[in-house]
Amino acid sequence: MPNVLDDLQSRGLVAQSTDEAALRDALSSPLTFYVGFDPTAPSLHVGNLLQLLTARRLQEAGHRPLLLVGGSTGLIGDPKDSGERVMNTKETVAGWVERIAAQVSRFVDLDGPAGATIVNNLDWTQGLSTIDFLRDIGKHFPVNRMLAREVVSSRLEKGISYTEFSYVLLQSLDYLELHRRHGCALQTGGSDQWGNITAGVELVRRADGASVHALATPLVTKADGTKFGKTEAGTVWLDAELMSPYAFYQFWINAEDAKVGEYLKLFTFLPVGEIDALVAEHREKPGMRLAQRRLASEVTALVHGQAEVDAAVLASSALFGRGELADLPEPTLAAALREAGAVDLTRDPAPTIVDALEAAGLVKSRSEARRAVAEGGAYVNNERVDDPELPLGEGHTLHGSWVVLRRGKRAISGIRLV
């Protein structure tokens, strides 16, 4: 069997690691590894997805995952460049721990010889006294090295609390405890966590005299170097309640040509050779967006299931007249229209097509709306309309309230009658 490290490297998933030869040797037989997630929101986001899928790759190669949800570190917060974090209540964090624990468990196998275990670092920190923490953990951390950490040094002038300053000790303690309790010998995480990860490696060496390993995945960016995983609407969440599966699918459909091959290697389980062939075909026919469609289908299926992929594809076709709008489930139709900028209008009195086109942002003025109708470029539920005073009432609604509007071939929006 090829070493899983080869696959990770071929996909561009290894940004940094401890000694490569030693890590490769360790991965030649089953080992226990961990990756951590702090509950700083009610859901994980697309940035966390890379860590979940990396854990799944390692598990499929025979290694045992420990997925840590930080019930204690989530109460503190990792220092960030922009300033002190707002601390959430203990009750809020506890609720988020439960939600995220359920979320991460969907991405790995919880059974079998390499079955994953969900762990919470509150289990070993809530009973730890301050004296024991300072004596047993704090003594292993030279302050000069802590001050030299980039995120700390950047905050010294503006100020950083001892709470955030000590976060690295808590995360390092996680590695030590998981090494002692589960024989954990590898921590994975994003490259922005490299300082915390290697501090844990050093703590295990100092406290127990053991040699353990670390691996960091790269920071994923857009083509212009800016942060990946944000849209105009905000964060790309993994929870369907915070971001609809349709909107999630559309996020991947809109991947840049220059980055789609990279994203396919990072976020899907397609063989690298198949990805290279797909990207080559995409370059010959970029207008068909073959690579983006495959990327969106693969990732949405991983996160939300194949049924949501099918619904998103159906919605995309139906909105542009290539399928039956009536066949779309209301949640999918609503998500698609909200994503397209749909607005609410009162149903009494019923708005005209001109009112609706302007309110939905498909035209800049009522006169432009009238021209669109006169030129045959206005559609209601994929049917061309020729009367600018056409009232949109009950006879035009889908699922009792939604109306799909289109101007020309490509401009889609809609209204909800309330």
Protein backbone atom coordinates (compact mmCIF):
# COMPACT_ATOMS: atom_id res chain seq x y z
CA MET A 1 0.00 0.00 0.00
CA PRO A 2 1.31 3.50 -0.80
CA ASN A 3 2.00 5.65 2.24
CA VAL A 4 -0.86 8.08 2.85
CA LEU A 5 1.70 10.86 3.06
CA ASP A 6 2.31 10.45 -0.67
CA ASP A 7 -1.36 11.06 -1.42
CA LEU A 8 -1.49 14.07 0.90
CA GLN A 9 1.58 15.57 -0.75
CA SER A 10 0.30 14.92 -4.27
CA ARG A 11 -2.85 16.84 -3.40
CA GLY A 12 -0.95 19.79 -1.92
CA LEU A 13 -2.24 19.02 1.56
CA VAL A 14 1.10 19.22 3.37
CA ALA A 15 2.23 22.78 4.10
CA GLN A 16 4.46 21.90 7.06
CA SER A 17 5.36 18.84 9.07
CA THR A 18 7.81 17.64 11.65
CA ASP A 19 10.64 15.44 10.37
CA GLU A 20 9.27 13.95 7.14
CA ALA A 21 11.20 10.69 7.30
CA ALA A 22 10.04 10.05 10.85
CA LEU A 23 6.46 10.98 9.99
CA ARG A 24 6.48 8.73 6.93
CA ASP A 25 7.76 5.86 9.04
CA ALA A 26 5.09 6.47 11.69
CA LEU A 27 2.36 6.46 9.02
CA SER A 28 3.59 3.13 7.64
CA SER A 29 1.56 1.38 10.35
CA PRO A 30 -1.71 2.35 12.07
CA LEU A 31 -1.42 5.24 14.50
CA THR A 32 -3.80 7.44 16.47
CA PHE A 33 -4.00 11.11 15.50
CA TYR A 34 -6.10 14.08 16.46
CA VAL A 35 -7.46 17.31 15.07
CA GLY A 36 -9.23 19.95 17.14
CA PHE A 37 -12.16 22.30 16.58
CA ASP A 38 -13.04 25.16 18.91
CA PRO A 39 -16.77 25.93 19.27
CA THR A 40 -16.64 29.65 18.44
CA ALA A 41 -19.93 29.49 16.49
CA PRO A 42 -22.90 27.10 16.28
CA SER A 43 -21.43 25.45 13.16
CA LEU A 44 -18.15 24.66 11.51
CA HIS A 45 -17.34 26.37 8.22
CA VAL A 46 -15.67 25.48 4.94
CA GLY A 47 -12.22 26.20 6.40
CA ASN A 48 -12.80 23.44 8.95
CA LEU A 49 -13.94 21.12 6.17
CA LEU A 50 -10.36 20.71 4.96
CA GLN A 51 -9.38 19.34 8.38
CA LEU A 52 -12.35 16.98 8.49
CA LEU A 53 -11.57 15.58 5.05
CA THR A 54 -7.87 15.22 5.91
CA ALA A 55 -8.91 13.22 8.97
CA ARG A 56 -11.08 11.05 6.75
CA ARG A 57 -8.19 10.43 4.34
CA LEU A 58 -5.98 9.33 7.21
CA GLN A 59 -8.71 7.10 8.59
CA GLU A 60 -9.28 5.46 5.20
CA ALA A 61 -5.55 4.68 5.21
CA GLY A 62 -6.00 2.78 8.50
CA HIS A 63 -5.24 5.47 11.09
CA ARG A 64 -7.51 6.20 14.04
CA PRO A 65 -8.95 9.73 14.42
CA LEU A 66 -9.63 11.58 17.63
CA LEU A 67 -11.87 14.54 16.82
CA LEU A 68 -11.52 17.05 19.63
CA VAL A 69 -14.23 19.62 20.26
CA GLY A 70 -12.79 22.27 22.56
CA GLY A 71 -15.21 22.72 25.41
CA SER A 72 -12.47 24.47 27.41
CA THR A 73 -10.37 26.13 24.68
CA GLY A 74 -13.62 27.41 23.19
CA LEU A 75 -14.21 29.32 26.41
CA ILE A 76 -10.86 31.10 25.99
CA GLY A 77 -10.31 31.62 22.26
CA ASP A 78 -7.13 31.47 20.24
CA PRO A 79 -5.48 34.92 19.96
CA LYS A 80 -6.19 36.72 16.71
CA ASP A 81 -4.48 39.69 15.08
CA SER A 82 -7.55 41.90 15.15
CA GLY A 83 -7.84 42.03 18.93
CA GLU A 84 -9.36 40.41 21.98
CA ARG A 85 -12.09 37.89 21.36
CA VAL A 86 -15.55 38.31 22.84
CA MET A 87 -16.04 35.53 25.38
CA ASN A 88 -19.24 33.53 25.00
CA THR A 89 -21.13 32.22 28.01
CA LYS A 90 -20.44 28.73 29.29
CA GLU A 91 -23.99 27.73 28.39
CA THR A 92 -23.58 28.98 24.82
CA VAL A 93 -20.28 27.17 24.34
CA ALA A 94 -21.70 23.95 25.80
CA GLY A 95 -24.55 24.08 23.29
CA TRP A 96 -22.15 24.66 20.43
CA VAL A 97 -20.00 21.74 21.60
CA GLU A 98 -22.97 19.41 21.22
CA ARG A 99 -23.82 20.72 17.76
CA ILE A 100 -20.26 20.55 16.47
CA ALA A 101 -19.66 17.09 17.96
CA ALA A 102 -22.66 15.84 15.96
CA GLN A 103 -21.40 17.66 12.89
CA VAL A 104 -17.86 16.24 12.89
CA SER A 105 -19.07 12.70 13.50
CA ARG A 106 -20.69 12.65 10.04
CA PHE A 107 -17.34 12.86 8.27
CA VAL A 108 -15.62 9.83 9.79
CA ASP A 109 -16.44 6.22 10.60
CA LEU A 110 -17.16 5.75 14.31
CA ASP A 111 -16.91 1.95 14.13
CA GLY A 112 -14.30 -0.63 13.19
CA PRO A 113 -10.64 -1.01 14.19
CA ALA A 114 -9.90 2.59 13.14
CA GLY A 115 -13.18 3.92 14.52
CA ALA A 116 -13.07 7.61 15.40
CA THR A 117 -13.65 8.96 18.91
CA ILE A 118 -15.13 12.36 19.72
CA VAL A 119 -13.35 13.94 22.71
CA ASN A 120 -13.87 17.15 24.69
CA ASN A 121 -10.93 18.85 26.39
CA LEU A 122 -13.21 20.13 29.16
CA ASP A 123 -13.05 16.56 30.50
CA TRP A 124 -9.42 17.00 31.61
CA THR A 125 -9.29 20.72 32.32
CA GLN A 126 -12.37 21.47 34.42
CA GLY A 127 -11.00 19.54 37.41
CA LEU A 128 -7.41 20.82 37.02
CA SER A 129 -6.30 23.21 39.76
CA THR A 130 -4.43 26.40 38.96
CA ILE A 131 -1.46 25.24 41.04
CA ASP A 132 -1.22 21.90 39.23
CA PHE A 133 -1.59 23.60 35.85
CA LEU A 134 1.24 26.05 36.58
CA ARG A 135 3.53 23.40 38.11
CA ASP A 136 2.96 20.58 35.64
CA ILE A 137 2.32 22.47 32.40
CA GLY A 138 3.44 26.08 32.75
CA LYS A 139 6.98 25.17 33.78
CA HIS A 140 7.61 23.71 30.30
CA PHE A 141 6.90 27.00 28.45
CA PRO A 142 9.70 29.60 28.23
CA VAL A 143 8.08 33.03 28.21
CA ASN A 144 10.58 34.40 25.68
CA ARG A 145 9.43 31.81 23.14
CA MET A 146 5.79 32.59 23.84
CA LEU A 147 6.45 36.30 23.29
CA ALA A 148 8.17 35.55 19.99
CA ARG A 149 5.03 33.96 18.53
CA GLU A 150 3.83 36.16 15.66
CA VAL A 151 0.24 36.57 16.83
CA VAL A 152 1.45 37.53 20.32
CA SER A 153 4.16 39.95 19.20
CA SER A 154 1.68 41.68 16.88
CA ARG A 155 -0.65 42.27 19.84
CA LEU A 156 1.89 43.50 22.41
CA GLU A 157 1.45 47.18 21.65
CA LYS A 158 -2.34 47.11 21.62
CA GLY A 159 -2.40 44.65 24.50
CA ILE A 160 -3.18 40.99 24.99
CA SER A 161 -4.77 39.46 28.06
CA TYR A 162 -3.14 36.68 30.02
CA THR A 163 -6.19 34.60 29.09
CA GLU A 164 -5.41 34.62 25.36
CA PHE A 165 -1.68 34.60 25.98
CA SER A 166 -2.07 31.26 27.80
CA TYR A 167 -4.19 29.62 25.09
CA VAL A 168 -1.15 27.81 23.68
CA LEU A 169 -0.69 26.04 27.03
CA LEU A 170 -4.23 24.69 26.94
CA GLN A 171 -3.97 23.44 23.37
CA SER A 172 -0.59 21.85 24.11
CA LEU A 173 -2.12 20.14 27.13
CA ASP A 174 -4.63 18.53 24.76
CA TYR A 175 -1.84 16.78 22.86
CA LEU A 176 -0.22 15.60 26.10
CA GLU A 177 -3.50 14.25 27.50
CA LEU A 178 -4.46 12.50 24.25
CA HIS A 179 -0.97 11.00 24.05
CA ARG A 180 -1.34 9.64 27.57
CA ARG A 181 -4.96 8.52 27.30
CA HIS A 182 -5.08 7.23 23.72
CA GLY A 183 -1.49 6.88 22.54
CA CYS A 184 -2.00 9.78 20.12
CA ALA A 185 1.16 10.36 18.07
CA LEU A 186 0.12 12.89 15.42
CA GLN A 187 -1.73 16.19 15.43
CA THR A 188 -3.05 17.73 12.22
CA GLY A 189 -4.42 21.22 11.66
CA GLY A 190 -4.23 24.32 9.54
CA SER A 191 -0.95 26.11 8.97
CA ASP A 192 -2.26 29.06 11.00
CA GLN A 193 -2.13 26.68 13.99
CA TRP A 194 1.44 25.55 13.41
CA GLY A 195 2.82 27.38 16.45
CA ASN A 196 0.22 25.83 18.75
CA ILE A 197 0.69 22.38 17.21
CA THR A 198 4.47 22.34 17.56
CA ALA A 199 4.17 23.65 21.12
CA GLY A 200 2.17 20.51 21.86
CA VAL A 201 4.84 18.33 20.26
CA GLU A 202 7.44 20.02 22.48
CA LEU A 203 5.32 19.61 25.62
CA VAL A 204 4.95 15.87 25.03
CA ARG A 205 8.72 15.63 24.62
CA ARG A 206 9.47 17.66 27.74
CA ALA A 207 6.82 16.11 29.97
CA ASP A 208 6.93 12.46 28.86
CA GLY A 209 10.15 12.18 26.85
CA ALA A 210 8.17 10.94 23.85
CA SER A 211 8.61 11.82 20.19
CA VAL A 212 5.34 12.68 18.42
CA HIS A 213 4.49 14.24 15.06
CA ALA A 214 2.69 17.19 13.49
CA LEU A 215 1.28 17.99 10.07
CA ALA A 216 -0.27 21.24 8.86
CA THR A 217 -2.42 21.77 5.79
CA PRO A 218 -2.01 24.94 3.71
CA LEU A 219 -4.02 28.11 4.03
CA VAL A 220 -6.53 27.97 1.18
CA THR A 221 -6.92 31.21 -0.75
CA LYS A 222 -8.64 32.64 -3.77
CA ALA A 223 -6.68 33.50 -6.91
CA ASP A 224 -5.95 37.03 -5.66
CA GLY A 225 -4.53 35.68 -2.40
CA THR A 226 -7.50 36.71 -0.26
CA LYS A 227 -9.17 34.42 2.26
CA PHE A 228 -11.17 31.51 0.90
CA GLY A 229 -14.58 30.60 2.32
CA LYS A 230 -16.38 33.93 2.36
CA THR A 231 -19.22 35.16 0.15
CA GLU A 232 -21.06 38.48 0.01
CA ALA A 233 -23.56 36.94 2.41
CA GLY A 234 -20.81 35.93 4.83
CA THR A 235 -19.21 32.71 6.01
CA VAL A 236 -19.71 29.45 4.11
CA TRP A 237 -21.19 27.30 6.89
CA LEU A 238 -21.52 23.50 6.91
CA ASP A 239 -24.86 23.65 8.76
CA ALA A 240 -27.88 23.67 6.44
CA GLU A 241 -29.73 25.93 8.89
CA LEU A 242 -27.09 28.65 8.49
CA MET A 243 -26.43 28.18 4.77
CA SER A 244 -28.79 26.30 2.49
CA PRO A 245 -27.44 23.33 0.53
CA TYR A 246 -28.38 25.19 -2.66
CA ALA A 247 -26.30 28.23 -1.65
CA PHE A 248 -23.47 25.88 -0.61
CA TYR A 249 -23.59 24.21 -4.03
CA GLN A 250 -23.54 27.60 -5.77
CA PHE A 251 -20.47 28.64 -3.77
CA TRP A 252 -18.49 25.80 -5.34
CA ILE A 253 -20.02 26.34 -8.80
CA ASN A 254 -18.56 29.84 -8.67
CA ALA A 255 -15.01 28.62 -8.04
CA GLU A 256 -12.41 30.45 -10.11
CA ASP A 257 -10.94 28.69 -13.13
CA ALA A 258 -7.42 29.31 -11.80
CA LYS A 259 -8.19 27.52 -8.51
CA VAL A 260 -10.73 24.82 -9.36
CA GLY A 261 -8.08 22.13 -9.88
CA GLU A 262 -6.52 22.90 -6.51
CA TYR A 263 -9.91 22.79 -4.79
CA LEU A 264 -10.73 19.44 -6.40
CA LYS A 265 -7.52 17.96 -4.98
CA LEU A 266 -8.06 19.44 -1.53
CA PHE A 267 -11.79 18.92 -1.04
CA THR A 268 -12.71 15.77 -2.99
CA PHE A 269 -11.67 12.13 -2.99
CA LEU A 270 -11.34 11.90 -6.76
CA PRO A 271 -8.01 10.37 -7.85
CA VAL A 272 -5.40 12.98 -8.73
CA GLY A 273 -5.07 11.61 -12.28
CA GLU A 274 -8.81 11.96 -12.85
CA ILE A 275 -8.71 15.53 -11.53
CA ASP A 276 -5.85 16.43 -13.88
CA ALA A 277 -7.78 15.02 -16.84
CA LEU A 278 -10.95 16.89 -15.80
CA VAL A 279 -9.07 20.18 -15.49
CA ALA A 280 -7.48 19.66 -18.92
CA GLU A 281 -10.93 19.10 -20.43
CA HIS A 282 -12.22 22.15 -18.59
CA ARG A 283 -9.49 24.31 -20.13
CA GLU A 284 -10.62 23.26 -23.60
CA LYS A 285 -14.28 24.05 -22.83
CA PRO A 286 -14.25 26.61 -20.00
CA GLY A 287 -17.77 27.82 -20.73
CA MET A 288 -19.21 24.45 -19.74
CA ARG A 289 -17.67 24.74 -16.25
CA LEU A 290 -17.18 20.98 -16.11
CA ALA A 291 -14.64 21.16 -13.30
CA GLN A 292 -16.78 23.48 -11.19
CA ARG A 293 -19.86 21.31 -11.63
CA ARG A 294 -17.96 18.21 -10.53
CA LEU A 295 -16.44 20.09 -7.60
CA ALA A 296 -19.84 21.38 -6.46
CA SER A 297 -21.43 17.95 -6.78
CA GLU A 298 -18.66 16.12 -4.92
CA VAL A 299 -18.34 18.54 -2.00
CA THR A 300 -22.07 19.14 -1.56
CA ALA A 301 -22.64 15.37 -1.50
CA LEU A 302 -19.97 15.00 1.20
CA VAL A 303 -21.50 17.70 3.38
CA HIS A 304 -25.25 17.50 2.68
CA GLY A 305 -25.87 14.24 0.80
CA GLN A 306 -26.59 13.30 -2.79
CA ALA A 307 -30.29 14.22 -2.53
CA GLU A 308 -29.36 17.87 -1.97
CA VAL A 309 -27.02 17.78 -4.95
CA ASP A 310 -29.84 16.47 -7.13
CA ALA A 311 -32.17 19.19 -5.79
CA ALA A 312 -29.60 21.92 -6.48
CA VAL A 313 -29.01 20.71 -10.03
CA LEU A 314 -32.76 20.49 -10.63
CA ALA A 315 -33.24 24.01 -9.27
CA SER A 316 -30.49 25.43 -11.47
CA SER A 317 -32.10 23.88 -14.54
CA ALA A 318 -35.67 24.78 -13.65
CA LEU A 319 -34.91 28.42 -12.91
CA PHE A 320 -33.62 28.88 -16.45
CA GLY A 321 -36.48 27.06 -18.14
CA ARG A 322 -34.83 23.66 -18.54
CA GLY A 323 -37.02 21.91 -16.00
CA GLU A 324 -40.34 22.13 -14.19
CA LEU A 325 -40.44 24.75 -11.45
CA ALA A 326 -43.40 22.97 -9.89
CA ASP A 327 -41.18 19.94 -9.24
CA LEU A 328 -38.90 21.88 -6.89
CA PRO A 329 -39.45 21.37 -3.16
CA GLU A 330 -40.29 24.65 -1.45
CA PRO A 331 -37.08 24.78 0.67
CA THR A 332 -34.95 24.40 -2.46
CA LEU A 333 -36.96 26.96 -4.45
CA ALA A 334 -36.89 29.42 -1.55
CA ALA A 335 -33.13 29.00 -1.06
CA ALA A 336 -32.46 29.43 -4.79
CA LEU A 337 -34.55 32.60 -5.04
CA ARG A 338 -33.12 34.10 -1.86
CA GLU A 339 -29.66 33.43 -3.25
CA ALA A 340 -30.72 35.26 -6.43
CA GLY A 341 -31.90 38.30 -4.47
CA ALA A 342 -35.64 37.68 -4.11
CA VAL A 343 -37.65 40.18 -2.06
CA ASP A 344 -40.93 40.16 -0.16
CA LEU A 345 -43.89 42.12 -1.56
CA THR A 346 -47.37 42.45 -0.12
CA ARG A 347 -50.00 40.42 -1.95
CA ASP A 348 -52.79 42.92 -1.39
CA PRO A 349 -52.82 44.80 -3.63
CA ALA A 350 -51.11 42.42 -6.03
CA PRO A 351 -47.89 43.89 -7.49
CA THR A 352 -47.63 44.24 -11.26
CA ILE A 353 -44.84 42.63 -13.27
CA VAL A 354 -43.26 46.09 -13.56
CA ASP A 355 -43.38 46.52 -9.76
CA ALA A 356 -41.86 43.08 -9.27
CA LEU A 357 -39.04 43.46 -11.80
CA GLU A 358 -37.95 46.73 -10.20
CA ALA A 359 -38.27 45.50 -6.61
CA ALA A 360 -36.29 42.34 -7.37
CA GLY A 361 -33.44 44.36 -8.86
CA LEU A 362 -33.75 42.99 -12.39
CA VAL A 363 -34.20 46.53 -13.75
CA LYS A 364 -33.14 49.94 -12.47
CA SER A 365 -36.44 51.72 -13.11
CA ARG A 366 -40.07 51.20 -14.00
CA SER A 367 -39.45 52.54 -17.50
CA GLU A 368 -36.70 49.95 -17.99
CA ALA A 369 -39.12 47.28 -16.78
CA ARG A 370 -41.70 48.38 -19.33
CA ARG A 371 -39.11 48.19 -22.11
CA ALA A 372 -38.12 44.68 -21.01
CA VAL A 373 -41.76 43.57 -21.26
CA ALA A 374 -42.28 45.30 -24.60
CA GLU A 375 -39.15 43.68 -26.05
CA GLY A 376 -40.27 40.21 -24.96
CA GLY A 377 -37.57 39.83 -22.36
CA ALA A 378 -39.65 39.47 -19.18
CA TYR A 379 -40.68 36.09 -17.78
CA VAL A 380 -42.86 34.93 -14.90
CA ASN A 381 -42.25 31.32 -13.88
CA ASN A 382 -40.46 30.85 -17.23
CA GLU A 383 -43.47 32.10 -19.21
CA ARG A 384 -42.98 35.26 -21.31
CA VAL A 385 -45.31 38.11 -20.38
CA ASP A 386 -46.44 40.95 -22.65
CA ASP A 387 -48.64 43.01 -20.32
CA PRO A 388 -46.69 45.46 -18.11
CA GLU A 389 -49.72 45.84 -15.84
CA LEU A 390 -50.11 42.10 -15.27
CA PRO A 391 -50.93 41.65 -11.55
CA LEU A 392 -49.01 38.83 -9.88
CA GLY A 393 -51.52 37.05 -7.69
CA GLU A 394 -52.47 33.58 -6.52
CA GLY A 395 -52.49 32.20 -10.04
CA HIS A 396 -48.78 32.87 -10.40
CA THR A 397 -47.46 31.59 -7.08
CA LEU A 398 -45.47 28.43 -6.48
CA HIS A 399 -46.05 26.78 -3.10
CA GLY A 400 -48.54 29.53 -2.35
CA SER A 401 -46.17 32.49 -2.22
CA TRP A 402 -43.13 32.35 -4.55
CA VAL A 403 -42.89 33.85 -8.04
CA VAL A 404 -39.83 33.31 -10.27
CA LEU A 405 -38.83 36.31 -12.37
CA ARG A 406 -36.40 36.31 -15.26
CA ARG A 407 -35.13 39.03 -17.55
CA GLY A 408 -33.60 37.74 -20.75
CA LYS A 409 -31.76 34.42 -20.67
CA ARG A 410 -29.59 34.80 -17.58
CA ALA A 411 -30.91 37.37 -15.06
CA ILE A 412 -32.94 35.54 -12.40
CA SER A 413 -34.64 36.75 -9.25
CA GLY A 414 -38.05 36.46 -7.65
CA ILE A 415 -40.55 37.68 -5.10
CA ARG A 416 -42.43 36.19 -2.19
CA LEU A 417 -45.98 37.43 -1.73
CA VAL A 418 -46.69 38.09 1.95
